[in-house]
Amino acid sequence: MHAARQALEYAARALGFSALGVARADANQGTQLQDWLAAGEHAGMRWMERHLPARLCPELVLPGVQRVVMLTYEYARRDARRVRGRVARYAQGEDYHKLLAGKLADLDETLSFYGGQQRCFSDSGPVSERFFAQEAGLGWRGRNGLLIRPQRGSYCFLACILTTLELPCDTPQPARCGNCRRCEEACPTHALHDGQCDARRCLSYWSIEARGEAMPPEQAAAAGDRLYGCDICQEVCPWNRPRPEPTIDLHLLMPAMLRDLTTEQMEQLDAETFNDLFAGSPLRRIGAEHLRRNAARVAAAGNETD
């Protein structure tokens, strides 16, 4: 086996990554991303437009890049909240950007030993991570737009390393959703179509990304008790059917504070208290005002069903 790849795989396993694959950096990405942007389905995420050239050409991110190394890291499959107000699984523990950044720095050092130059990201840079994850043989992009893995489903973070080393590549996986459309049918706002998510209709977009904007009535009516994000398309996916639970990094488990914090208490949080309580949490990125607004919506929905 290629010495650099063997060392990389050993280090990745030791750091807790669940899988690793390698793709060519110059793989043809087609026009799916451009078509999505042209249709306006990225809503207010204007950075997607600004970073389009780099996403389509990794050479602009790292001159001399040869390969894209893709890795997966498991997160919890259950919502640990014990009170009303559901939180997306990926956001239940510590901020994964910071957690994975340190691990990627270690892998960068491993590849540097073999003469490589690297740039590393985990949902933090202009890289088409799900495309390259499929090219690297880790899974396929499902009808919900997420990477689906045949043995582990879709509950995972993606991390990537752009490298100038010519590591051995893996074989892309074919799509295996078949005729199943459970995710599309279960989406309460009909945001999913043809492997794409229309952010203008998506509950995750409105509860997380659309800071400063009120959630439209249609989305608010469909959101129910979803406080932060939405996992409906993952919850109904057959590839996420019950199976042995993977070992989850303790840093990604929900702290007791968040398990028991009620929406009524969230509505009373001032900015300083919010920052103290959610230091190191993904929820901090939406700010106190947006969280209070989400909490008020969830509380109001609960009152209507009582």
C-alpha atoms as a PDB file:
ATOM      1  CA  MET A   1       0.000   0.000   0.000  1.00  0.00           C
ATOM      2  CA  HIS A   2       1.064   3.570  -0.650  1.00  0.00           C
ATOM      3  CA  ALA A   3       3.036   4.585   2.467  1.00  0.00           C
ATOM      4  CA  ALA A   4       1.486   8.044   2.842  1.00  0.00           C
ATOM      5  CA  ARG A   5      -2.046   6.727   2.502  1.00  0.00           C
ATOM      6  CA  GLN A   6      -1.380   3.885   4.934  1.00  0.00           C
ATOM      7  CA  ALA A   7      -0.043   6.345   7.509  1.00  0.00           C
ATOM      8  CA  LEU A   8      -2.997   8.650   6.907  1.00  0.00           C
ATOM      9  CA  GLU A   9      -5.540   5.859   7.395  1.00  0.00           C
ATOM     10  CA  TYR A  10      -3.866   4.717  10.595  1.00  0.00           C
ATOM     11  CA  ALA A  11      -3.804   8.261  12.001  1.00  0.00           C
ATOM     12  CA  ALA A  12      -7.427   8.909  10.982  1.00  0.00           C
ATOM     13  CA  ARG A  13      -8.638   5.791  12.780  1.00  0.00           C
ATOM     14  CA  ALA A  14      -6.688   6.737  15.880  1.00  0.00           C
ATOM     15  CA  LEU A  15      -8.330  10.182  15.837  1.00  0.00           C
ATOM     16  CA  GLY A  16     -11.831   8.707  15.696  1.00  0.00           C
ATOM     17  CA  PHE A  17     -12.757   9.157  12.034  1.00  0.00           C
ATOM     18  CA  SER A  18     -15.056   6.366  10.878  1.00  0.00           C
ATOM     19  CA  ALA A  19     -14.049   6.215   7.202  1.00  0.00           C
ATOM     20  CA  LEU A  20     -11.619   7.696   4.709  1.00  0.00           C
ATOM     21  CA  GLY A  21     -11.641   7.894   0.929  1.00  0.00           C
ATOM     22  CA  VAL A  22      -9.651   9.681  -1.756  1.00  0.00           C
ATOM     23  CA  ALA A  23     -10.824  11.364  -4.965  1.00  0.00           C
ATOM     24  CA  ARG A  24      -9.151  13.182  -7.824  1.00  0.00           C
ATOM     25  CA  ALA A  25      -9.222  16.926  -7.282  1.00  0.00           C
ATOM     26  CA  ASP A  26     -10.019  17.524 -10.963  1.00  0.00           C
ATOM     27  CA  ALA A  27     -13.106  15.275 -11.018  1.00  0.00           C
ATOM     28  CA  ASN A  28     -15.887  16.761 -13.151  1.00  0.00           C
ATOM     29  CA  GLN A  29     -18.584  18.175 -10.874  1.00  0.00           C
ATOM     30  CA  GLY A  30     -21.128  18.760 -13.625  1.00  0.00           C
ATOM     31  CA  THR A  31     -23.587  21.654 -13.418  1.00  0.00           C
ATOM     32  CA  GLN A  32     -25.725  20.651 -10.411  1.00  0.00           C
ATOM     33  CA  LEU A  33     -24.344  23.376  -8.157  1.00  0.00           C
ATOM     34  CA  GLN A  34     -24.624  26.081 -10.816  1.00  0.00           C
ATOM     35  CA  ASP A  35     -28.185  25.032 -11.608  1.00  0.00           C
ATOM     36  CA  TRP A  36     -29.110  25.170  -7.904  1.00  0.00           C
ATOM     37  CA  LEU A  37     -27.696  28.662  -7.573  1.00  0.00           C
ATOM     38  CA  ALA A  38     -29.287  29.867 -10.818  1.00  0.00           C
ATOM     39  CA  ALA A  39     -32.682  28.738  -9.511  1.00  0.00           C
ATOM     40  CA  GLY A  40     -32.163  30.821  -6.379  1.00  0.00           C
ATOM     41  CA  GLU A  41     -32.546  27.788  -4.116  1.00  0.00           C
ATOM     42  CA  HIS A  42     -29.660  28.912  -1.900  1.00  0.00           C
ATOM     43  CA  ALA A  43     -31.957  31.650  -0.519  1.00  0.00           C
ATOM     44  CA  GLY A  44     -29.911  34.173   1.472  1.00  0.00           C
ATOM     45  CA  MET A  45     -26.679  32.155   1.500  1.00  0.00           C
ATOM     46  CA  ARG A  46     -24.870  34.559  -0.815  1.00  0.00           C
ATOM     47  CA  TRP A  47     -21.466  33.170   0.054  1.00  0.00           C
ATOM     48  CA  MET A  48     -22.324  30.166  -2.097  1.00  0.00           C
ATOM     49  CA  GLU A  49     -22.295  32.468  -5.122  1.00  0.00           C
ATOM     50  CA  ARG A  50     -19.081  34.205  -4.101  1.00  0.00           C
ATOM     51  CA  HIS A  51     -17.245  30.933  -3.565  1.00  0.00           C
ATOM     52  CA  LEU A  52     -18.565  29.141  -6.655  1.00  0.00           C
ATOM     53  CA  PRO A  53     -15.325  29.316  -8.711  1.00  0.00           C
ATOM     54  CA  ALA A  54     -13.303  27.813  -5.849  1.00  0.00           C
ATOM     55  CA  ARG A  55     -15.874  25.067  -5.217  1.00  0.00           C
ATOM     56  CA  LEU A  56     -15.680  24.035  -8.848  1.00  0.00           C
ATOM     57  CA  CYS A  57     -11.886  24.280  -9.040  1.00  0.00           C
ATOM     58  CA  PRO A  58      -9.924  23.145  -5.950  1.00  0.00           C
ATOM     59  CA  GLU A  59      -6.791  24.419  -7.689  1.00  0.00           C
ATOM     60  CA  LEU A  60      -7.949  27.920  -6.725  1.00  0.00           C
ATOM     61  CA  VAL A  61      -7.958  26.874  -3.062  1.00  0.00           C
ATOM     62  CA  LEU A  62      -4.648  24.992  -3.093  1.00  0.00           C
ATOM     63  CA  PRO A  63      -2.360  25.465  -6.118  1.00  0.00           C
ATOM     64  CA  GLY A  64      -0.939  22.139  -7.206  1.00  0.00           C
ATOM     65  CA  VAL A  65      -3.684  20.108  -5.537  1.00  0.00           C
ATOM     66  CA  GLN A  66      -3.922  16.518  -6.763  1.00  0.00           C
ATOM     67  CA  ARG A  67      -6.309  14.757  -4.398  1.00  0.00           C
ATOM     68  CA  VAL A  68      -9.225  15.424  -2.070  1.00  0.00           C
ATOM     69  CA  VAL A  69      -9.214  13.230   1.021  1.00  0.00           C
ATOM     70  CA  MET A  70     -12.705  12.854   2.505  1.00  0.00           C
ATOM     71  CA  LEU A  71     -13.412  11.627   6.016  1.00  0.00           C
ATOM     72  CA  THR A  72     -16.522  10.891   8.077  1.00  0.00           C
ATOM     73  CA  TYR A  73     -17.016  11.405  11.816  1.00  0.00           C
ATOM     74  CA  GLU A  74     -20.088  10.023  13.571  1.00  0.00           C
ATOM     75  CA  TYR A  75     -22.576  12.050  15.581  1.00  0.00           C
ATOM     76  CA  ALA A  76     -25.534  11.025  17.741  1.00  0.00           C
ATOM     77  CA  ARG A  77     -28.569   9.408  16.109  1.00  0.00           C
ATOM     78  CA  ARG A  78     -31.057  10.330  18.844  1.00  0.00           C
ATOM     79  CA  ASP A  79     -32.461  13.663  20.017  1.00  0.00           C
ATOM     80  CA  ALA A  80     -31.437  13.874  23.673  1.00  0.00           C
ATOM     81  CA  ARG A  81     -33.721  16.782  24.599  1.00  0.00           C
ATOM     82  CA  ARG A  82     -35.998  15.948  27.546  1.00  0.00           C
ATOM     83  CA  VAL A  83     -38.262  18.989  27.108  1.00  0.00           C
ATOM     84  CA  ARG A  84     -40.131  20.525  24.183  1.00  0.00           C
ATOM     85  CA  GLY A  85     -38.005  21.984  21.412  1.00  0.00           C
ATOM     86  CA  ARG A  86     -36.060  19.565  19.227  1.00  0.00           C
ATOM     87  CA  VAL A  87     -32.455  20.234  18.217  1.00  0.00           C
ATOM     88  CA  ALA A  88     -30.844  18.728  15.111  1.00  0.00           C
ATOM     89  CA  ARG A  89     -28.586  15.799  15.997  1.00  0.00           C
ATOM     90  CA  TYR A  90     -25.441  17.387  14.607  1.00  0.00           C
ATOM     91  CA  ALA A  91     -25.803  20.400  16.939  1.00  0.00           C
ATOM     92  CA  GLN A  92     -26.363  18.604  20.230  1.00  0.00           C
ATOM     93  CA  GLY A  93     -22.770  18.641  21.455  1.00  0.00           C
ATOM     94  CA  GLU A  94     -19.774  20.888  21.005  1.00  0.00           C
ATOM     95  CA  ASP A  95     -19.077  22.830  17.828  1.00  0.00           C
ATOM     96  CA  TYR A  96     -17.807  20.231  15.357  1.00  0.00           C
ATOM     97  CA  HIS A  97     -15.822  22.817  13.397  1.00  0.00           C
ATOM     98  CA  LYS A  98     -13.465  23.297  16.339  1.00  0.00           C
ATOM     99  CA  LEU A  99     -13.442  19.632  17.315  1.00  0.00           C
ATOM    100  CA  LEU A 100     -12.480  18.418  13.849  1.00  0.00           C
ATOM    101  CA  ALA A 101     -10.067  21.272  13.125  1.00  0.00           C
ATOM    102  CA  GLY A 102      -7.595  19.946  15.667  1.00  0.00           C
ATOM    103  CA  LYS A 103      -7.843  16.417  14.308  1.00  0.00           C
ATOM    104  CA  LEU A 104      -7.361  17.633  10.741  1.00  0.00           C
ATOM    105  CA  ALA A 105      -4.268  19.550  11.823  1.00  0.00           C
ATOM    106  CA  ASP A 106      -2.787  16.250  13.006  1.00  0.00           C
ATOM    107  CA  LEU A 107      -3.553  14.621   9.650  1.00  0.00           C
ATOM    108  CA  ASP A 108      -2.058  17.626   7.855  1.00  0.00           C
ATOM    109  CA  GLU A 109       1.131  17.007   9.804  1.00  0.00           C
ATOM    110  CA  THR A 110       1.104  13.344   8.780  1.00  0.00           C
ATOM    111  CA  LEU A 111       0.883  14.189   5.079  1.00  0.00           C
ATOM    112  CA  SER A 112       3.459  16.972   5.415  1.00  0.00           C
ATOM    113  CA  PHE A 113       5.949  14.337   6.573  1.00  0.00           C
ATOM    114  CA  TYR A 114       5.599  12.775   3.114  1.00  0.00           C
ATOM    115  CA  GLY A 115       6.142  16.091   1.350  1.00  0.00           C
ATOM    116  CA  GLY A 116       2.545  17.171   0.843  1.00  0.00           C
ATOM    117  CA  GLN A 117       1.037  20.600   1.118  1.00  0.00           C
ATOM    118  CA  GLN A 118      -2.509  20.666   2.453  1.00  0.00           C
ATOM    119  CA  ARG A 119      -5.610  22.749   3.137  1.00  0.00           C
ATOM    120  CA  CYS A 120      -8.121  21.262   5.565  1.00  0.00           C
ATOM    121  CA  PHE A 121     -11.809  21.995   6.069  1.00  0.00           C
ATOM    122  CA  SER A 122     -14.896  20.675   7.812  1.00  0.00           C
ATOM    123  CA  ASP A 123     -17.904  22.503   6.426  1.00  0.00           C
ATOM    124  CA  SER A 124     -15.761  25.606   6.658  1.00  0.00           C
ATOM    125  CA  GLY A 125     -14.309  26.188   3.210  1.00  0.00           C
ATOM    126  CA  PRO A 126     -15.160  26.382  -0.491  1.00  0.00           C
ATOM    127  CA  VAL A 127     -15.135  22.631  -1.192  1.00  0.00           C
ATOM    128  CA  SER A 128     -17.974  20.505  -2.611  1.00  0.00           C
ATOM    129  CA  GLU A 129     -17.688  17.998   0.217  1.00  0.00           C
ATOM    130  CA  ARG A 130     -20.650  15.753  -0.609  1.00  0.00           C
ATOM    131  CA  PHE A 131     -19.607  15.508  -4.251  1.00  0.00           C
ATOM    132  CA  PHE A 132     -16.065  14.512  -3.355  1.00  0.00           C
ATOM    133  CA  ALA A 133     -17.286  12.129  -0.639  1.00  0.00           C
ATOM    134  CA  GLN A 134     -19.194  10.205  -3.316  1.00  0.00           C
ATOM    135  CA  GLU A 135     -16.217  10.337  -5.684  1.00  0.00           C
ATOM    136  CA  ALA A 136     -14.081   8.974  -2.837  1.00  0.00           C
ATOM    137  CA  GLY A 137     -16.370   5.954  -2.462  1.00  0.00           C
ATOM    138  CA  LEU A 138     -17.770   6.842   0.969  1.00  0.00           C
ATOM    139  CA  GLY A 139     -21.415   6.768  -0.133  1.00  0.00           C
ATOM    140  CA  TRP A 140     -23.771   8.522  -2.509  1.00  0.00           C
ATOM    141  CA  ARG A 141     -25.762  11.742  -2.500  1.00  0.00           C
ATOM    142  CA  GLY A 142     -29.307  10.773  -1.613  1.00  0.00           C
ATOM    143  CA  ARG A 143     -32.579  12.347  -2.652  1.00  0.00           C
ATOM    144  CA  ASN A 144     -32.351  14.495   0.474  1.00  0.00           C
ATOM    145  CA  GLY A 145     -29.046  15.916  -0.746  1.00  0.00           C
ATOM    146  CA  LEU A 146     -27.054  14.282   2.057  1.00  0.00           C
ATOM    147  CA  LEU A 147     -24.290  11.709   1.842  1.00  0.00           C
ATOM    148  CA  ILE A 148     -25.762   8.268   2.530  1.00  0.00           C
ATOM    149  CA  ARG A 149     -23.462   5.380   3.461  1.00  0.00           C
ATOM    150  CA  PRO A 150     -24.591   1.779   2.918  1.00  0.00           C
ATOM    151  CA  GLN A 151     -23.608   0.571   6.397  1.00  0.00           C
ATOM    152  CA  ARG A 152     -23.906   3.739   8.492  1.00  0.00           C
ATOM    153  CA  GLY A 153     -26.571   5.940   6.913  1.00  0.00           C
ATOM    154  CA  SER A 154     -26.280   9.726   6.890  1.00  0.00           C
ATOM    155  CA  TYR A 155     -25.672  10.766  10.506  1.00  0.00           C
ATOM    156  CA  CYS A 156     -22.079  11.976  10.125  1.00  0.00           C
ATOM    157  CA  PHE A 157     -19.902  15.024   9.700  1.00  0.00           C
ATOM    158  CA  LEU A 158     -17.733  15.388   6.618  1.00  0.00           C
ATOM    159  CA  ALA A 159     -14.168  16.644   6.719  1.00  0.00           C
ATOM    160  CA  CYS A 160     -11.770  17.096   3.810  1.00  0.00           C
ATOM    161  CA  ILE A 161      -8.095  17.546   3.110  1.00  0.00           C
ATOM    162  CA  LEU A 162      -6.857  19.003  -0.148  1.00  0.00           C
ATOM    163  CA  THR A 163      -3.350  17.707  -0.787  1.00  0.00           C
ATOM    164  CA  THR A 164      -0.638  17.971  -3.415  1.00  0.00           C
ATOM    165  CA  LEU A 165       0.249  14.302  -2.904  1.00  0.00           C
ATOM    166  CA  GLU A 166      -0.911  11.807  -5.537  1.00  0.00           C
ATOM    167  CA  LEU A 167      -2.535   9.354  -3.160  1.00  0.00           C
ATOM    168  CA  PRO A 168      -4.281   6.243  -4.560  1.00  0.00           C
ATOM    169  CA  CYS A 169      -7.923   7.018  -5.389  1.00  0.00           C
ATOM    170  CA  ASP A 170     -11.058   5.098  -4.505  1.00  0.00           C
ATOM    171  CA  THR A 171     -13.963   4.099  -6.745  1.00  0.00           C
ATOM    172  CA  PRO A 172     -17.093   6.312  -6.654  1.00  0.00           C
ATOM    173  CA  GLN A 173     -20.247   4.692  -5.305  1.00  0.00           C
ATOM    174  CA  PRO A 174     -23.410   4.581  -7.423  1.00  0.00           C
ATOM    175  CA  ALA A 175     -26.636   6.026  -6.038  1.00  0.00           C
ATOM    176  CA  ARG A 176     -28.743   3.407  -4.253  1.00  0.00           C
ATOM    177  CA  CYS A 177     -31.925   5.266  -3.357  1.00  0.00           C
ATOM    178  CA  GLY A 178     -33.759   3.480  -6.150  1.00  0.00           C
ATOM    179  CA  ASN A 179     -37.442   4.403  -6.285  1.00  0.00           C
ATOM    180  CA  CYS A 180     -37.565   5.410  -2.618  1.00  0.00           C
ATOM    181  CA  ARG A 181     -38.837   8.949  -2.063  1.00  0.00           C
ATOM    182  CA  ARG A 182     -39.617   8.817   1.637  1.00  0.00           C
ATOM    183  CA  CYS A 183     -37.519  11.883   2.405  1.00  0.00           C
ATOM    184  CA  GLU A 184     -39.237  13.951  -0.297  1.00  0.00           C
ATOM    185  CA  GLU A 185     -42.675  12.799   0.811  1.00  0.00           C
ATOM    186  CA  ALA A 186     -41.964  13.387   4.514  1.00  0.00           C
ATOM    187  CA  CYS A 187     -40.582  16.906   4.113  1.00  0.00           C
ATOM    188  CA  PRO A 188     -43.420  19.078   5.482  1.00  0.00           C
ATOM    189  CA  THR A 189     -42.540  22.067   3.289  1.00  0.00           C
ATOM    190  CA  HIS A 190     -41.727  20.126   0.078  1.00  0.00           C
ATOM    191  CA  ALA A 191     -38.195  21.478   0.032  1.00  0.00           C
ATOM    192  CA  LEU A 192     -36.607  18.357  -1.490  1.00  0.00           C
ATOM    193  CA  HIS A 193     -36.451  17.428  -5.146  1.00  0.00           C
ATOM    194  CA  ASP A 194     -34.020  15.489  -7.327  1.00  0.00           C
ATOM    195  CA  GLY A 195     -31.289  15.337  -4.710  1.00  0.00           C
ATOM    196  CA  GLN A 196     -31.493  19.059  -4.029  1.00  0.00           C
ATOM    197  CA  CYS A 197     -32.858  21.093  -1.132  1.00  0.00           C
ATOM    198  CA  ASP A 198     -34.621  24.373  -1.835  1.00  0.00           C
ATOM    199  CA  ALA A 199     -33.416  26.461   1.100  1.00  0.00           C
ATOM    200  CA  ARG A 200     -36.248  28.932   0.557  1.00  0.00           C
ATOM    201  CA  ARG A 201     -38.600  26.246   1.883  1.00  0.00           C
ATOM    202  CA  CYS A 202     -36.288  24.386   4.263  1.00  0.00           C
ATOM    203  CA  LEU A 203     -36.952  24.420   8.013  1.00  0.00           C
ATOM    204  CA  SER A 204     -33.242  24.134   8.772  1.00  0.00           C
ATOM    205  CA  TYR A 205     -32.512  27.233   6.729  1.00  0.00           C
ATOM    206  CA  TRP A 206     -35.201  29.279   8.452  1.00  0.00           C
ATOM    207  CA  SER A 207     -34.364  28.133  11.977  1.00  0.00           C
ATOM    208  CA  ILE A 208     -30.580  28.512  11.588  1.00  0.00           C
ATOM    209  CA  GLU A 209     -29.324  30.480   8.600  1.00  0.00           C
ATOM    210  CA  ALA A 210     -32.047  33.119   8.178  1.00  0.00           C
ATOM    211  CA  ARG A 211     -30.960  35.299  11.065  1.00  0.00           C
ATOM    212  CA  GLY A 212     -32.791  38.614  11.091  1.00  0.00           C
ATOM    213  CA  GLU A 213     -35.696  37.257   9.019  1.00  0.00           C
ATOM    214  CA  ALA A 214     -39.010  36.026  10.359  1.00  0.00           C
ATOM    215  CA  MET A 215     -39.924  32.469   9.401  1.00  0.00           C
ATOM    216  CA  PRO A 216     -42.643  32.518   6.708  1.00  0.00           C
ATOM    217  CA  PRO A 217     -46.111  31.353   7.829  1.00  0.00           C
ATOM    218  CA  GLU A 218     -45.977  28.109   5.812  1.00  0.00           C
ATOM    219  CA  GLN A 219     -42.668  27.062   7.367  1.00  0.00           C
ATOM    220  CA  ALA A 220     -43.717  28.206  10.855  1.00  0.00           C
ATOM    221  CA  ALA A 221     -46.886  26.107  10.649  1.00  0.00           C
ATOM    222  CA  ALA A 222     -44.897  23.055   9.592  1.00  0.00           C
ATOM    223  CA  ALA A 223     -42.003  23.455  12.054  1.00  0.00           C
ATOM    224  CA  GLY A 224     -43.876  22.245  15.127  1.00  0.00           C
ATOM    225  CA  ASP A 225     -41.478  21.844  18.032  1.00  0.00           C
ATOM    226  CA  ARG A 226     -38.309  21.977  15.934  1.00  0.00           C
ATOM    227  CA  LEU A 227     -36.197  24.572  17.679  1.00  0.00           C
ATOM    228  CA  TYR A 228     -32.939  24.354  15.758  1.00  0.00           C
ATOM    229  CA  GLY A 229     -32.636  22.543  12.452  1.00  0.00           C
ATOM    230  CA  CYS A 230     -34.670  19.629  11.121  1.00  0.00           C
ATOM    231  CA  ASP A 231     -33.814  15.934  10.779  1.00  0.00           C
ATOM    232  CA  ILE A 232     -37.065  14.704   9.211  1.00  0.00           C
ATOM    233  CA  CYS A 233     -35.430  13.597   5.960  1.00  0.00           C
ATOM    234  CA  GLN A 234     -32.887  11.574   7.947  1.00  0.00           C
ATOM    235  CA  GLU A 235     -35.415  10.151  10.387  1.00  0.00           C
ATOM    236  CA  VAL A 236     -37.455   8.535   7.596  1.00  0.00           C
ATOM    237  CA  CYS A 237     -34.529   7.303   5.504  1.00  0.00           C
ATOM    238  CA  PRO A 238     -34.390   3.468   5.378  1.00  0.00           C
ATOM    239  CA  TRP A 239     -30.593   3.611   5.384  1.00  0.00           C
ATOM    240  CA  ASN A 240     -30.833   5.096   8.887  1.00  0.00           C
ATOM    241  CA  ARG A 241     -32.957   2.183  10.111  1.00  0.00           C
ATOM    242  CA  PRO A 242     -32.159   0.856  13.620  1.00  0.00           C
ATOM    243  CA  ARG A 243     -28.739  -0.712  13.763  1.00  0.00           C
ATOM    244  CA  PRO A 244     -25.969  -0.996  16.352  1.00  0.00           C
ATOM    245  CA  GLU A 245     -25.221   2.507  17.606  1.00  0.00           C
ATOM    246  CA  PRO A 246     -21.726   3.728  16.708  1.00  0.00           C
ATOM    247  CA  THR A 247     -19.401   4.980  19.404  1.00  0.00           C
ATOM    248  CA  ILE A 248     -19.955   8.738  19.687  1.00  0.00           C
ATOM    249  CA  ASP A 249     -17.288  11.199  20.757  1.00  0.00           C
ATOM    250  CA  LEU A 250     -18.228  12.416  24.239  1.00  0.00           C
ATOM    251  CA  HIS A 251     -17.746  16.000  23.060  1.00  0.00           C
ATOM    252  CA  LEU A 252     -20.702  15.534  20.702  1.00  0.00           C
ATOM    253  CA  LEU A 253     -23.180  14.402  23.336  1.00  0.00           C
ATOM    254  CA  MET A 254     -25.767  16.889  24.605  1.00  0.00           C
ATOM    255  CA  PRO A 255     -24.890  18.524  27.936  1.00  0.00           C
ATOM    256  CA  ALA A 256     -27.429  18.431  30.756  1.00  0.00           C
ATOM    257  CA  MET A 257     -27.981  22.175  30.454  1.00  0.00           C
ATOM    258  CA  LEU A 258     -29.340  21.863  26.919  1.00  0.00           C
ATOM    259  CA  ARG A 259     -31.290  18.672  27.635  1.00  0.00           C
ATOM    260  CA  ASP A 260     -33.442  20.441  30.219  1.00  0.00           C
ATOM    261  CA  LEU A 261     -33.516  24.110  29.145  1.00  0.00           C
ATOM    262  CA  THR A 262     -37.139  24.951  28.356  1.00  0.00           C
ATOM    263  CA  THR A 263     -38.303  27.231  25.574  1.00  0.00           C
ATOM    264  CA  GLU A 264     -39.759  29.532  28.215  1.00  0.00           C
ATOM    265  CA  GLN A 265     -36.315  29.868  29.784  1.00  0.00           C
ATOM    266  CA  MET A 266     -34.768  30.459  26.359  1.00  0.00           C
ATOM    267  CA  GLU A 267     -37.176  33.324  25.721  1.00  0.00           C
ATOM    268  CA  GLN A 268     -35.769  35.077  28.797  1.00  0.00           C
ATOM    269  CA  LEU A 269     -32.086  34.791  27.867  1.00  0.00           C
ATOM    270  CA  ASP A 270     -30.187  38.043  27.443  1.00  0.00           C
ATOM    271  CA  ALA A 271     -27.154  38.183  25.143  1.00  0.00           C
ATOM    272  CA  GLU A 272     -24.608  37.774  27.932  1.00  0.00           C
ATOM    273  CA  THR A 273     -26.311  34.753  29.485  1.00  0.00           C
ATOM    274  CA  PHE A 274     -26.869  33.228  26.069  1.00  0.00           C
ATOM    275  CA  ASN A 275     -23.150  33.531  25.239  1.00  0.00           C
ATOM    276  CA  ASP A 276     -22.171  31.988  28.567  1.00  0.00           C
ATOM    277  CA  LEU A 277     -24.582  29.056  28.281  1.00  0.00           C
ATOM    278  CA  PHE A 278     -23.834  28.247  24.656  1.00  0.00           C
ATOM    279  CA  ALA A 279     -20.094  28.870  24.568  1.00  0.00           C
ATOM    280  CA  GLY A 280     -18.661  26.122  22.375  1.00  0.00           C
ATOM    281  CA  SER A 281     -22.094  25.044  21.092  1.00  0.00           C
ATOM    282  CA  PRO A 282     -23.244  25.231  17.454  1.00  0.00           C
ATOM    283  CA  LEU A 283     -26.379  26.999  18.704  1.00  0.00           C
ATOM    284  CA  ARG A 284     -24.320  30.055  19.580  1.00  0.00           C
ATOM    285  CA  ARG A 285     -23.943  30.988  15.922  1.00  0.00           C
ATOM    286  CA  ILE A 286     -27.587  32.041  15.570  1.00  0.00           C
ATOM    287  CA  GLY A 287     -27.379  34.545  18.425  1.00  0.00           C
ATOM    288  CA  ALA A 288     -29.659  35.219  21.381  1.00  0.00           C
ATOM    289  CA  GLU A 289     -32.338  37.091  19.411  1.00  0.00           C
ATOM    290  CA  HIS A 290     -32.847  34.336  16.853  1.00  0.00           C
ATOM    291  CA  LEU A 291     -32.946  31.653  19.539  1.00  0.00           C
ATOM    292  CA  ARG A 292     -35.535  33.633  21.497  1.00  0.00           C
ATOM    293  CA  ARG A 293     -37.638  33.953  18.351  1.00  0.00           C
ATOM    294  CA  ASN A 294     -37.384  30.228  17.646  1.00  0.00           C
ATOM    295  CA  ALA A 295     -38.250  29.422  21.267  1.00  0.00           C
ATOM    296  CA  ALA A 296     -41.306  31.693  21.175  1.00  0.00           C
ATOM    297  CA  ARG A 297     -42.524  29.976  18.001  1.00  0.00           C
ATOM    298  CA  VAL A 298     -42.095  26.515  19.544  1.00  0.00           C
ATOM    299  CA  ALA A 299     -43.853  27.597  22.743  1.00  0.00           C
ATOM    300  CA  ALA A 300     -46.737  29.085  20.766  1.00  0.00           C
ATOM    301  CA  ALA A 301     -47.091  25.889  18.709  1.00  0.00           C
ATOM    302  CA  GLY A 302     -47.237  23.903  21.943  1.00  0.00           C
ATOM    303  CA  ASN A 303     -49.975  26.108  23.334  1.00  0.00           C
ATOM    304  CA  GLU A 304     -52.052  25.617  20.182  1.00  0.00           C
ATOM    305  CA  THR A 305     -51.919  21.818  20.553  1.00  0.00           C
ATOM    306  CA  ASP A 306     -52.610  21.733  24.312  1.00  0.00           C
END
